[in-house]
N, C-alpha and C. Protein backbone atom coordinates (compact mmCIF):
# COMPACT_ATOMS: atom_id res chain seq x y z
N MET A 1 13.67 -3.85 96.83
CA MET A 1 12.31 -3.77 96.36
C MET A 1 11.52 -5.02 96.74
N LYS A 2 12.17 -6.04 97.28
CA LYS A 2 11.45 -7.23 97.68
C LYS A 2 10.52 -6.90 98.83
N ARG A 3 9.33 -7.41 98.70
CA ARG A 3 8.36 -7.29 99.76
C ARG A 3 7.92 -8.69 100.09
N THR A 4 7.68 -8.98 101.35
CA THR A 4 7.23 -10.31 101.71
C THR A 4 5.89 -10.24 102.40
N ASN A 5 5.15 -11.33 102.30
CA ASN A 5 3.89 -11.41 103.02
C ASN A 5 4.15 -12.03 104.39
N ASP A 6 3.11 -12.33 105.14
CA ASP A 6 3.26 -12.84 106.50
C ASP A 6 4.00 -14.17 106.57
N SER A 7 3.91 -14.98 105.53
CA SER A 7 4.58 -16.27 105.55
C SER A 7 5.99 -16.19 104.99
N GLY A 8 6.46 -14.98 104.68
CA GLY A 8 7.83 -14.82 104.20
C GLY A 8 7.99 -14.96 102.70
N MET A 9 6.90 -15.23 101.99
CA MET A 9 6.99 -15.35 100.54
C MET A 9 7.08 -13.97 99.92
N ILE A 10 7.80 -13.85 98.82
CA ILE A 10 7.89 -12.58 98.14
C ILE A 10 6.51 -12.21 97.61
N ARG A 11 6.07 -11.01 97.94
CA ARG A 11 4.76 -10.53 97.52
C ARG A 11 4.99 -9.59 96.35
N VAL A 12 4.61 -10.05 95.18
CA VAL A 12 4.81 -9.28 93.98
C VAL A 12 3.60 -8.41 93.69
N TRP A 13 2.44 -8.95 93.85
CA TRP A 13 1.21 -8.30 93.43
C TRP A 13 0.75 -7.29 94.45
N THR A 14 0.48 -6.06 94.03
CA THR A 14 -0.02 -5.03 94.94
C THR A 14 -1.44 -4.64 94.62
N GLY A 15 -2.06 -5.29 93.67
CA GLY A 15 -3.46 -5.04 93.42
C GLY A 15 -3.78 -4.00 92.38
N LEU A 16 -2.91 -3.76 91.42
CA LEU A 16 -3.28 -2.88 90.32
C LEU A 16 -4.47 -3.50 89.60
N ARG A 17 -5.41 -2.73 89.26
CA ARG A 17 -6.61 -3.24 88.60
C ARG A 17 -6.55 -2.92 87.12
N SER A 18 -7.25 -3.72 86.34
CA SER A 18 -7.25 -3.52 84.90
C SER A 18 -8.18 -2.39 84.49
N ARG A 19 -8.86 -1.76 85.43
CA ARG A 19 -9.70 -0.60 85.10
C ARG A 19 -8.80 0.53 84.62
N PRO A 20 -9.32 1.38 83.78
CA PRO A 20 -8.49 2.48 83.29
C PRO A 20 -8.02 3.39 84.43
N ALA A 21 -6.79 3.84 84.30
CA ALA A 21 -6.24 4.80 85.26
C ALA A 21 -6.92 6.14 85.02
N PRO A 22 -6.99 6.97 86.05
CA PRO A 22 -7.49 8.32 85.78
C PRO A 22 -6.71 8.93 84.62
N ILE A 23 -7.40 9.61 83.74
CA ILE A 23 -6.81 10.07 82.49
C ILE A 23 -5.53 10.86 82.69
N GLY A 24 -5.37 11.53 83.80
CA GLY A 24 -4.16 12.31 84.03
C GLY A 24 -3.03 11.52 84.64
N GLU A 25 -3.21 10.20 84.89
CA GLU A 25 -2.20 9.43 85.58
C GLU A 25 -1.71 8.18 84.85
N PRO A 26 -1.72 8.12 83.55
CA PRO A 26 -1.28 6.89 82.89
C PRO A 26 0.20 6.59 83.14
N ARG A 27 1.01 7.61 83.29
CA ARG A 27 2.44 7.41 83.53
C ARG A 27 2.68 6.79 84.91
N ALA A 28 1.95 7.25 85.91
CA ALA A 28 2.07 6.69 87.25
C ALA A 28 1.59 5.23 87.26
N TRP A 29 0.49 4.97 86.56
CA TRP A 29 -0.02 3.59 86.49
C TRP A 29 1.02 2.69 85.84
N LEU A 30 1.59 3.15 84.74
CA LEU A 30 2.58 2.34 84.04
C LEU A 30 3.81 2.12 84.90
N ALA A 31 4.25 3.13 85.62
CA ALA A 31 5.41 2.99 86.50
C ALA A 31 5.16 1.92 87.56
N ARG A 32 3.97 1.92 88.15
CA ARG A 32 3.64 0.90 89.16
C ARG A 32 3.56 -0.48 88.53
N ALA A 33 2.97 -0.57 87.34
CA ALA A 33 2.89 -1.86 86.65
C ALA A 33 4.29 -2.39 86.34
N HIS A 34 5.18 -1.51 85.91
CA HIS A 34 6.55 -1.94 85.63
C HIS A 34 7.25 -2.40 86.91
N GLN A 35 7.02 -1.73 88.01
CA GLN A 35 7.61 -2.15 89.28
C GLN A 35 7.16 -3.56 89.64
N GLU A 36 5.87 -3.84 89.46
CA GLU A 36 5.34 -5.17 89.76
C GLU A 36 5.97 -6.23 88.86
N GLN A 37 6.09 -5.92 87.58
CA GLN A 37 6.66 -6.88 86.64
C GLN A 37 8.14 -7.11 86.92
N LEU A 38 8.86 -6.07 87.27
CA LEU A 38 10.28 -6.24 87.58
C LEU A 38 10.48 -7.03 88.88
N ALA A 39 9.59 -6.84 89.84
CA ALA A 39 9.65 -7.66 91.07
C ALA A 39 9.40 -9.13 90.72
N LEU A 40 8.46 -9.37 89.82
CA LEU A 40 8.20 -10.73 89.35
C LEU A 40 9.45 -11.30 88.70
N CYS A 41 10.09 -10.53 87.84
CA CYS A 41 11.32 -10.98 87.18
C CYS A 41 12.38 -11.36 88.21
N ASN A 42 12.52 -10.56 89.24
CA ASN A 42 13.50 -10.85 90.29
C ASN A 42 13.18 -12.16 90.99
N SER A 43 11.90 -12.40 91.27
CA SER A 43 11.49 -13.66 91.91
C SER A 43 11.80 -14.85 91.01
N LEU A 44 11.49 -14.73 89.73
CA LEU A 44 11.76 -15.82 88.80
C LEU A 44 13.25 -16.05 88.63
N GLU A 45 14.02 -14.98 88.67
CA GLU A 45 15.48 -15.12 88.58
C GLU A 45 16.02 -15.86 89.81
N GLU A 46 15.46 -15.58 90.98
CA GLU A 46 15.88 -16.30 92.19
C GLU A 46 15.58 -17.79 92.05
N ILE A 47 14.44 -18.12 91.48
CA ILE A 47 14.10 -19.53 91.26
C ILE A 47 15.10 -20.15 90.29
N ALA A 48 15.38 -19.46 89.19
CA ALA A 48 16.34 -19.98 88.21
C ALA A 48 17.72 -20.18 88.83
N ASP A 49 18.13 -19.23 89.65
CA ASP A 49 19.43 -19.34 90.30
C ASP A 49 19.50 -20.48 91.31
N SER A 50 18.35 -20.91 91.81
CA SER A 50 18.32 -21.98 92.81
C SER A 50 18.39 -23.37 92.19
N LEU A 51 18.24 -23.44 90.89
CA LEU A 51 18.26 -24.74 90.20
C LEU A 51 19.68 -25.28 90.10
N PRO A 52 19.89 -26.55 90.19
CA PRO A 52 18.92 -27.62 90.41
C PRO A 52 18.78 -28.05 91.86
N ALA A 53 19.71 -27.68 92.71
CA ALA A 53 19.79 -28.31 94.03
C ALA A 53 19.07 -27.58 95.16
N GLU A 54 18.85 -26.30 95.03
CA GLU A 54 18.32 -25.55 96.18
C GLU A 54 16.97 -24.91 95.87
N ILE A 55 16.10 -25.64 95.24
CA ILE A 55 14.80 -25.13 94.81
C ILE A 55 13.90 -24.90 96.02
N ASP A 56 13.34 -23.71 96.09
CA ASP A 56 12.35 -23.38 97.11
C ASP A 56 10.99 -23.76 96.52
N ARG A 57 10.50 -24.93 96.89
CA ARG A 57 9.26 -25.47 96.30
C ARG A 57 8.06 -24.56 96.57
N GLN A 58 8.03 -23.96 97.76
CA GLN A 58 6.93 -23.08 98.10
C GLN A 58 6.94 -21.83 97.21
N LYS A 59 8.12 -21.29 96.95
CA LYS A 59 8.23 -20.11 96.08
C LYS A 59 7.78 -20.46 94.66
N CYS A 60 8.14 -21.66 94.21
CA CYS A 60 7.71 -22.10 92.87
C CYS A 60 6.20 -22.23 92.79
N ALA A 61 5.60 -22.83 93.81
CA ALA A 61 4.14 -22.99 93.83
C ALA A 61 3.45 -21.64 93.87
N TYR A 62 3.98 -20.72 94.64
CA TYR A 62 3.41 -19.38 94.72
C TYR A 62 3.53 -18.67 93.38
N ALA A 63 4.70 -18.74 92.77
CA ALA A 63 4.91 -18.11 91.46
C ALA A 63 3.96 -18.70 90.43
N ALA A 64 3.77 -20.02 90.47
CA ALA A 64 2.85 -20.67 89.53
C ALA A 64 1.44 -20.15 89.69
N LYS A 65 1.04 -19.90 90.93
CA LYS A 65 -0.32 -19.47 91.21
C LYS A 65 -0.58 -18.04 90.73
N MET A 66 0.40 -17.17 90.84
CA MET A 66 0.15 -15.77 90.54
C MET A 66 0.66 -15.29 89.20
N LEU A 67 1.52 -16.04 88.54
CA LEU A 67 2.16 -15.58 87.30
C LEU A 67 1.17 -15.18 86.21
N GLU A 68 0.34 -16.11 85.79
CA GLU A 68 -0.59 -15.81 84.68
C GLU A 68 -1.57 -14.69 85.01
N PRO A 69 -2.25 -14.74 86.18
CA PRO A 69 -3.19 -13.65 86.47
C PRO A 69 -2.51 -12.30 86.55
N LEU A 70 -1.33 -12.24 87.11
CA LEU A 70 -0.61 -10.98 87.22
C LEU A 70 -0.30 -10.40 85.84
N ILE A 71 0.31 -11.21 84.99
CA ILE A 71 0.69 -10.74 83.66
C ILE A 71 -0.55 -10.34 82.87
N ARG A 72 -1.58 -11.17 82.92
CA ARG A 72 -2.80 -10.87 82.17
C ARG A 72 -3.45 -9.57 82.65
N GLU A 73 -3.55 -9.39 83.95
CA GLU A 73 -4.21 -8.19 84.48
C GLU A 73 -3.40 -6.94 84.21
N LEU A 74 -2.08 -7.01 84.35
CA LEU A 74 -1.26 -5.83 84.08
C LEU A 74 -1.31 -5.46 82.60
N HIS A 75 -1.25 -6.44 81.73
CA HIS A 75 -1.33 -6.14 80.30
C HIS A 75 -2.70 -5.57 79.94
N SER A 76 -3.74 -6.13 80.50
CA SER A 76 -5.08 -5.62 80.24
C SER A 76 -5.21 -4.17 80.69
N GLY A 77 -4.71 -3.88 81.88
CA GLY A 77 -4.75 -2.51 82.38
C GLY A 77 -3.94 -1.57 81.54
N GLU A 78 -2.78 -2.04 81.12
CA GLU A 78 -1.91 -1.22 80.28
C GLU A 78 -2.60 -0.87 78.96
N GLU A 79 -3.22 -1.87 78.37
CA GLU A 79 -3.86 -1.65 77.08
C GLU A 79 -5.12 -0.79 77.21
N SER A 80 -5.87 -0.99 78.29
CA SER A 80 -7.11 -0.23 78.43
C SER A 80 -6.89 1.18 78.98
N ALA A 81 -5.84 1.38 79.72
CA ALA A 81 -5.61 2.71 80.31
C ALA A 81 -4.51 3.47 79.57
N VAL A 82 -3.33 2.92 79.60
CA VAL A 82 -2.17 3.64 79.05
C VAL A 82 -2.23 3.72 77.53
N PHE A 83 -2.42 2.57 76.87
CA PHE A 83 -2.43 2.58 75.41
C PHE A 83 -3.61 3.41 74.89
N ARG A 84 -4.75 3.28 75.55
CA ARG A 84 -5.90 4.07 75.12
C ARG A 84 -5.60 5.57 75.22
N TRP A 85 -4.94 5.97 76.30
CA TRP A 85 -4.59 7.38 76.46
C TRP A 85 -3.66 7.82 75.33
N VAL A 86 -2.67 7.00 75.02
CA VAL A 86 -1.73 7.32 73.94
C VAL A 86 -2.48 7.41 72.61
N GLU A 87 -3.36 6.45 72.34
CA GLU A 87 -4.13 6.48 71.09
C GLU A 87 -4.99 7.73 70.99
N GLN A 88 -5.60 8.12 72.09
CA GLN A 88 -6.46 9.32 72.07
C GLN A 88 -5.65 10.59 71.81
N ASN A 89 -4.42 10.61 72.26
CA ASN A 89 -3.62 11.82 72.16
C ASN A 89 -2.63 11.83 71.00
N PHE A 90 -2.29 10.66 70.47
CA PHE A 90 -1.30 10.58 69.39
C PHE A 90 -1.73 9.62 68.30
N GLY A 91 -3.04 9.34 68.22
CA GLY A 91 -3.55 8.34 67.30
C GLY A 91 -3.32 8.62 65.83
N ASP A 92 -3.02 9.85 65.48
CA ASP A 92 -2.79 10.19 64.08
C ASP A 92 -1.38 9.85 63.61
N ASP A 93 -0.50 9.53 64.53
CA ASP A 93 0.90 9.26 64.20
C ASP A 93 1.06 7.78 63.87
N PRO A 94 1.41 7.42 62.62
CA PRO A 94 1.54 6.02 62.24
C PRO A 94 2.63 5.28 63.01
N SER A 95 3.67 5.98 63.43
CA SER A 95 4.73 5.30 64.18
C SER A 95 4.23 4.91 65.58
N ILE A 96 3.36 5.73 66.16
CA ILE A 96 2.79 5.40 67.46
C ILE A 96 1.87 4.18 67.32
N GLU A 97 1.08 4.20 66.26
CA GLU A 97 0.20 3.06 66.00
C GLU A 97 1.00 1.77 65.85
N ALA A 98 2.10 1.82 65.12
CA ALA A 98 2.96 0.64 64.93
C ALA A 98 3.59 0.21 66.25
N THR A 99 4.02 1.17 67.06
CA THR A 99 4.63 0.84 68.35
C THR A 99 3.62 0.15 69.26
N LEU A 100 2.41 0.68 69.34
CA LEU A 100 1.39 0.06 70.18
C LEU A 100 1.02 -1.33 69.68
N ALA A 101 0.98 -1.51 68.37
CA ALA A 101 0.70 -2.84 67.81
C ALA A 101 1.80 -3.82 68.22
N ARG A 102 3.04 -3.38 68.16
CA ARG A 102 4.16 -4.24 68.57
C ARG A 102 4.05 -4.59 70.05
N LEU A 103 3.75 -3.61 70.89
CA LEU A 103 3.64 -3.86 72.33
C LEU A 103 2.49 -4.82 72.65
N LYS A 104 1.38 -4.67 71.96
CA LYS A 104 0.25 -5.58 72.17
C LYS A 104 0.61 -7.00 71.74
N TYR A 105 1.34 -7.13 70.64
CA TYR A 105 1.78 -8.45 70.19
C TYR A 105 2.71 -9.08 71.23
N GLU A 106 3.62 -8.28 71.77
CA GLU A 106 4.53 -8.79 72.80
C GLU A 106 3.75 -9.19 74.05
N HIS A 107 2.70 -8.47 74.38
CA HIS A 107 1.86 -8.85 75.52
C HIS A 107 1.28 -10.24 75.28
N CYS A 108 0.79 -10.48 74.08
CA CYS A 108 0.23 -11.78 73.74
C CYS A 108 1.28 -12.88 73.88
N GLU A 109 2.47 -12.63 73.36
CA GLU A 109 3.56 -13.60 73.48
C GLU A 109 3.90 -13.89 74.94
N ASP A 110 4.00 -12.82 75.73
CA ASP A 110 4.33 -12.98 77.15
C ASP A 110 3.27 -13.80 77.88
N GLU A 111 2.01 -13.57 77.56
CA GLU A 111 0.94 -14.31 78.21
C GLU A 111 0.98 -15.79 77.84
N CYS A 112 1.30 -16.10 76.59
CA CYS A 112 1.43 -17.50 76.17
C CYS A 112 2.62 -18.16 76.87
N PHE A 113 3.72 -17.45 76.94
CA PHE A 113 4.92 -17.96 77.61
C PHE A 113 4.63 -18.15 79.10
N ALA A 114 3.89 -17.23 79.71
CA ALA A 114 3.55 -17.35 81.13
C ALA A 114 2.74 -18.60 81.40
N GLU A 115 1.87 -18.95 80.46
CA GLU A 115 1.07 -20.16 80.60
C GLU A 115 1.97 -21.39 80.64
N GLU A 116 2.92 -21.47 79.73
CA GLU A 116 3.85 -22.60 79.72
C GLU A 116 4.72 -22.61 80.97
N LEU A 117 5.16 -21.45 81.37
CA LEU A 117 6.01 -21.34 82.54
C LEU A 117 5.25 -21.73 83.81
N THR A 118 3.98 -21.43 83.86
CA THR A 118 3.16 -21.82 85.02
C THR A 118 3.14 -23.33 85.18
N GLU A 119 2.98 -24.04 84.08
CA GLU A 119 3.00 -25.50 84.13
C GLU A 119 4.33 -26.01 84.69
N LEU A 120 5.41 -25.42 84.25
CA LEU A 120 6.73 -25.80 84.74
C LEU A 120 6.87 -25.51 86.24
N LEU A 121 6.42 -24.33 86.66
CA LEU A 121 6.54 -23.95 88.08
C LEU A 121 5.69 -24.85 88.97
N VAL A 122 4.53 -25.27 88.48
CA VAL A 122 3.71 -26.22 89.24
C VAL A 122 4.49 -27.51 89.46
N LYS A 123 5.13 -27.99 88.42
CA LYS A 123 5.93 -29.22 88.54
C LYS A 123 7.11 -29.02 89.49
N LEU A 124 7.78 -27.89 89.37
CA LEU A 124 8.90 -27.62 90.29
C LEU A 124 8.41 -27.55 91.73
N GLY A 125 7.28 -26.91 91.94
CA GLY A 125 6.71 -26.79 93.28
C GLY A 125 6.30 -28.13 93.86
N ALA A 126 5.91 -29.06 93.00
CA ALA A 126 5.48 -30.39 93.43
C ALA A 126 6.63 -31.39 93.47
N ALA A 127 7.85 -30.93 93.24
CA ALA A 127 9.05 -31.79 93.24
C ALA A 127 8.93 -32.90 92.20
N ASP A 128 8.35 -32.57 91.06
CA ASP A 128 8.21 -33.52 89.96
C ASP A 128 9.60 -33.84 89.41
N GLU A 129 9.99 -35.09 89.49
CA GLU A 129 11.33 -35.53 89.07
C GLU A 129 11.53 -35.47 87.55
N SER A 130 10.44 -35.33 86.80
CA SER A 130 10.57 -35.30 85.34
C SER A 130 11.07 -33.95 84.82
N VAL A 131 11.15 -32.96 85.67
CA VAL A 131 11.57 -31.62 85.24
C VAL A 131 13.09 -31.60 85.06
N ASN A 132 13.50 -31.19 83.88
CA ASN A 132 14.92 -31.03 83.59
C ASN A 132 15.34 -29.64 84.07
N ALA A 133 16.31 -29.58 84.98
CA ALA A 133 16.72 -28.31 85.58
C ALA A 133 17.27 -27.34 84.53
N GLU A 134 18.00 -27.85 83.55
CA GLU A 134 18.55 -26.97 82.50
C GLU A 134 17.42 -26.34 81.68
N THR A 135 16.45 -27.15 81.33
CA THR A 135 15.30 -26.65 80.57
C THR A 135 14.52 -25.63 81.39
N ALA A 136 14.32 -25.93 82.66
CA ALA A 136 13.59 -25.01 83.55
C ALA A 136 14.32 -23.68 83.65
N GLY A 137 15.62 -23.73 83.86
CA GLY A 137 16.40 -22.50 83.95
C GLY A 137 16.35 -21.70 82.66
N TYR A 138 16.42 -22.41 81.53
CA TYR A 138 16.37 -21.75 80.23
C TYR A 138 15.03 -21.05 80.03
N MET A 139 13.94 -21.74 80.40
CA MET A 139 12.60 -21.15 80.24
C MET A 139 12.42 -19.94 81.17
N LEU A 140 12.82 -20.08 82.42
CA LEU A 140 12.69 -18.97 83.37
C LEU A 140 13.47 -17.76 82.88
N ARG A 141 14.73 -17.99 82.51
CA ARG A 141 15.58 -16.88 82.06
C ARG A 141 15.05 -16.26 80.77
N GLY A 142 14.54 -17.08 79.88
CA GLY A 142 13.96 -16.56 78.65
C GLY A 142 12.77 -15.65 78.94
N PHE A 143 11.93 -16.05 79.88
CA PHE A 143 10.76 -15.25 80.20
C PHE A 143 11.15 -13.93 80.84
N PHE A 144 11.94 -13.98 81.92
CA PHE A 144 12.20 -12.71 82.61
C PHE A 144 13.13 -11.81 81.83
N THR A 145 13.99 -12.37 80.99
CA THR A 145 14.84 -11.53 80.13
C THR A 145 13.98 -10.80 79.10
N ASN A 146 13.07 -11.52 78.48
CA ASN A 146 12.18 -10.88 77.50
C ASN A 146 11.26 -9.86 78.15
N LEU A 147 10.77 -10.17 79.35
CA LEU A 147 9.88 -9.22 80.03
C LEU A 147 10.64 -7.95 80.40
N ARG A 148 11.85 -8.08 80.87
CA ARG A 148 12.66 -6.90 81.19
C ARG A 148 12.95 -6.08 79.93
N ARG A 149 13.23 -6.76 78.84
CA ARG A 149 13.48 -6.05 77.57
C ARG A 149 12.22 -5.31 77.12
N HIS A 150 11.08 -5.95 77.26
CA HIS A 150 9.80 -5.34 76.89
C HIS A 150 9.54 -4.10 77.74
N ILE A 151 9.79 -4.20 79.02
CA ILE A 151 9.58 -3.05 79.92
C ILE A 151 10.51 -1.91 79.52
N GLY A 152 11.76 -2.23 79.22
CA GLY A 152 12.70 -1.19 78.78
C GLY A 152 12.22 -0.50 77.51
N PHE A 153 11.70 -1.28 76.58
CA PHE A 153 11.18 -0.70 75.34
C PHE A 153 9.98 0.20 75.62
N GLU A 154 9.07 -0.27 76.48
CA GLU A 154 7.91 0.56 76.84
C GLU A 154 8.36 1.87 77.49
N GLN A 155 9.31 1.77 78.38
CA GLN A 155 9.78 2.98 79.05
C GLN A 155 10.40 3.95 78.04
N GLU A 156 11.18 3.42 77.14
CA GLU A 156 11.83 4.26 76.13
C GLU A 156 10.81 4.93 75.22
N CYS A 157 9.82 4.17 74.80
CA CYS A 157 8.85 4.69 73.84
C CYS A 157 7.74 5.52 74.47
N LEU A 158 7.26 5.11 75.63
CA LEU A 158 6.09 5.74 76.21
C LEU A 158 6.41 6.87 77.19
N ARG A 159 7.59 6.84 77.77
CA ARG A 159 7.95 7.85 78.78
C ARG A 159 7.79 9.27 78.26
N THR A 160 8.20 9.51 77.02
CA THR A 160 8.12 10.86 76.48
C THR A 160 6.71 11.25 76.06
N LEU A 161 5.83 10.27 75.86
CA LEU A 161 4.47 10.54 75.42
C LEU A 161 3.52 10.83 76.58
N LEU A 162 3.73 10.16 77.71
CA LEU A 162 2.80 10.24 78.82
C LEU A 162 3.06 11.48 79.67
N PRO A 163 2.01 12.09 80.16
CA PRO A 163 2.20 13.29 80.99
C PRO A 163 2.88 12.94 82.30
N ALA A 164 3.75 13.82 82.75
CA ALA A 164 4.42 13.63 84.03
C ALA A 164 3.37 13.60 85.13
N SER A 165 3.62 12.78 86.14
CA SER A 165 2.70 12.66 87.26
C SER A 165 3.40 13.11 88.52
N PRO A 166 2.75 13.90 89.34
CA PRO A 166 3.41 14.43 90.52
C PRO A 166 3.75 13.38 91.57
N ASP A 167 3.12 12.20 91.53
CA ASP A 167 3.37 11.23 92.58
C ASP A 167 4.42 10.18 92.21
N ILE A 168 5.14 10.37 91.09
CA ILE A 168 6.24 9.47 90.76
C ILE A 168 7.48 10.27 90.47
N THR A 169 8.61 9.61 90.64
CA THR A 169 9.89 10.24 90.33
C THR A 169 10.48 9.51 89.14
N SER A 170 11.53 10.07 88.59
CA SER A 170 12.17 9.40 87.45
C SER A 170 12.70 8.03 87.85
N ALA A 171 13.04 7.83 89.11
CA ALA A 171 13.53 6.53 89.57
C ALA A 171 12.42 5.48 89.48
N ASP A 172 11.16 5.88 89.62
CA ASP A 172 10.05 4.95 89.56
C ASP A 172 9.84 4.37 88.17
N ILE A 173 10.27 5.08 87.14
CA ILE A 173 10.04 4.60 85.78
C ILE A 173 11.29 4.08 85.12
N ASN A 174 12.38 4.04 85.82
CA ASN A 174 13.63 3.51 85.25
C ASN A 174 13.93 2.16 85.82
């Protein structure tokens, strides 16, 4: 699933917009958003695995540049398109309301964590000697582990609610 740009850097972002998805395609939108986030997790895991001796400074700088905007835009799109669709169709169900509240809270946590992680990645990219490799690895792993767990929870909870889309397969949402 790795994609690279012309300079060989892993290209995570494919340009999903925070505008609402067409009302009949929230499942396809969510599947693409999850693919982007999982590709990000893989990139961050590669950085964590490279610590302390084989750090790709360019990859760290690139990750620092795109991490926060990517997470923020995907979460915004998810909340404005997918969650709105779920609320419109299942808004009377208190368990759905509680699930969406939990997911929104996790989005907020992830965005705050991404901000801290961006600062760390900037330092790693700049070869800042003050960065503790163990701390950096712990932070990276904490972020991508939580993000993967969040995606799994969304898939488990939302997959059955969202209408099937003809342009995705079950492999796209797993």
